[in-house]
Each structure stands twice: as structure tokens, then as C-alpha cells.
Amino acid sequence: MPHPCKLAEVYAAQAKIVRDVETRAAALRRLARVERDKLKRPARAAEAFQALSQLVPDDREAIDALRTLLADQRRWQELLDTHRKALALSPEPRAKAQILREMAELLRGELRDPDGALGCFEQSLALEPDDRPTLDQAADLYSLRRKWTEFIDVRTRALPHVPPAERPAIHLQIARAAE
């Protein structure tokens, strides 16, 4: 078996010269896997998976691998763009809601965009209206943004999913926001 560095060189050369999309995609996939798994070079693996996702836009392996690699490398804006691609490819509402939550957390935290985060939380809640953690996170952001009508809405929606001992505190939050 050739050394992984040699394999990476061969796959990279093949990906550059081959015109056939299927063969080129296979070379890029092998290159990305060797870079990630054998050579432990995440930046190069991300480049190869990125090239693969541009060549074959609906390649789930490339998109999912990119999401992991970009997060590990703290490449936040590229990660957000890749989450958007994953969102477009996900047919299932539950998977879409999860991706939207990940986008919201990224926007809220690393990218410091609370309004963008709220937009993603709202889209997630449109798909999973009773998701308690999302309702709570949206409420926190609505409170910070002083959007009291929306805050009251999500806190009210969270009430049925809250243990009875926590309900008085939420009722108090709602009452204060309504003042």
C-alpha cells in the first residue's frame, strides 16, 4: 500500500486532470478522506470536501464532513454557509430544525448576530413548535432584544412543557413582560 502522502498526491493530480465528473468526484472524495483520516490535515481535507461539494452540490458526505471540519477549525462564516447547504438538502423537518438550531447557536455565539439567531430559532420553531430548549433560547434573545410580545408568546408556548414547579416563575416572567 502506498504511503498516504503519495496517495494524496495521486488523488489531487487525478482530480485536476480528469474531466469526467463522476471520476473527479471519486478522486476528490478519496483525497479528502486520506487528508482527514490518514494524514490528519483538516484544512486540506476541508479544501477537498469543499471542491467535492462544488462539483456535486447534493453530496451529503461532503457537506456533513465540511460541517465537522469547519467547526473544528473555527471557520465560522464558512460553517454557516455549509449549514445553509445542509439545510437545503435536508428533506426531513426534524433534521431541518436541528440544522436551524445549530445555525442559531453559531449566529448567537461566535458570529454575534442575535437577530440572525432569532430568525433561525423562529424557523426551527415553525418546524417543531413545542421544542422546549428552542423556546427557551428564543425567549432569552427576545428578552435581550426587548421584543416583549414575542417573548410572551414563546414563554406561553413553553408552559405545557415545563415541570409544574417551574410554571410560577414563567408566569411571573410573562406578567413582568406584559407590564
Foldseek 3Di string as FASTA:
>chain_A
DDQLVVLLVVLVVQLVPDDDLVSNLVSLQVNLCSVVPPVVNLVSSLVSLVVSCVSPVLPPVSLVSNLVSCVVVVVLVVNLVSLVSVLVNDPDLVVNLVSLQVSLVSCVPVVVNLVSSLVSLVSSCVSVVADQVSLVVNLVSCVVVLVLVSNLVSLVSPQVVDPPVCNVVSVVVNVVSVD
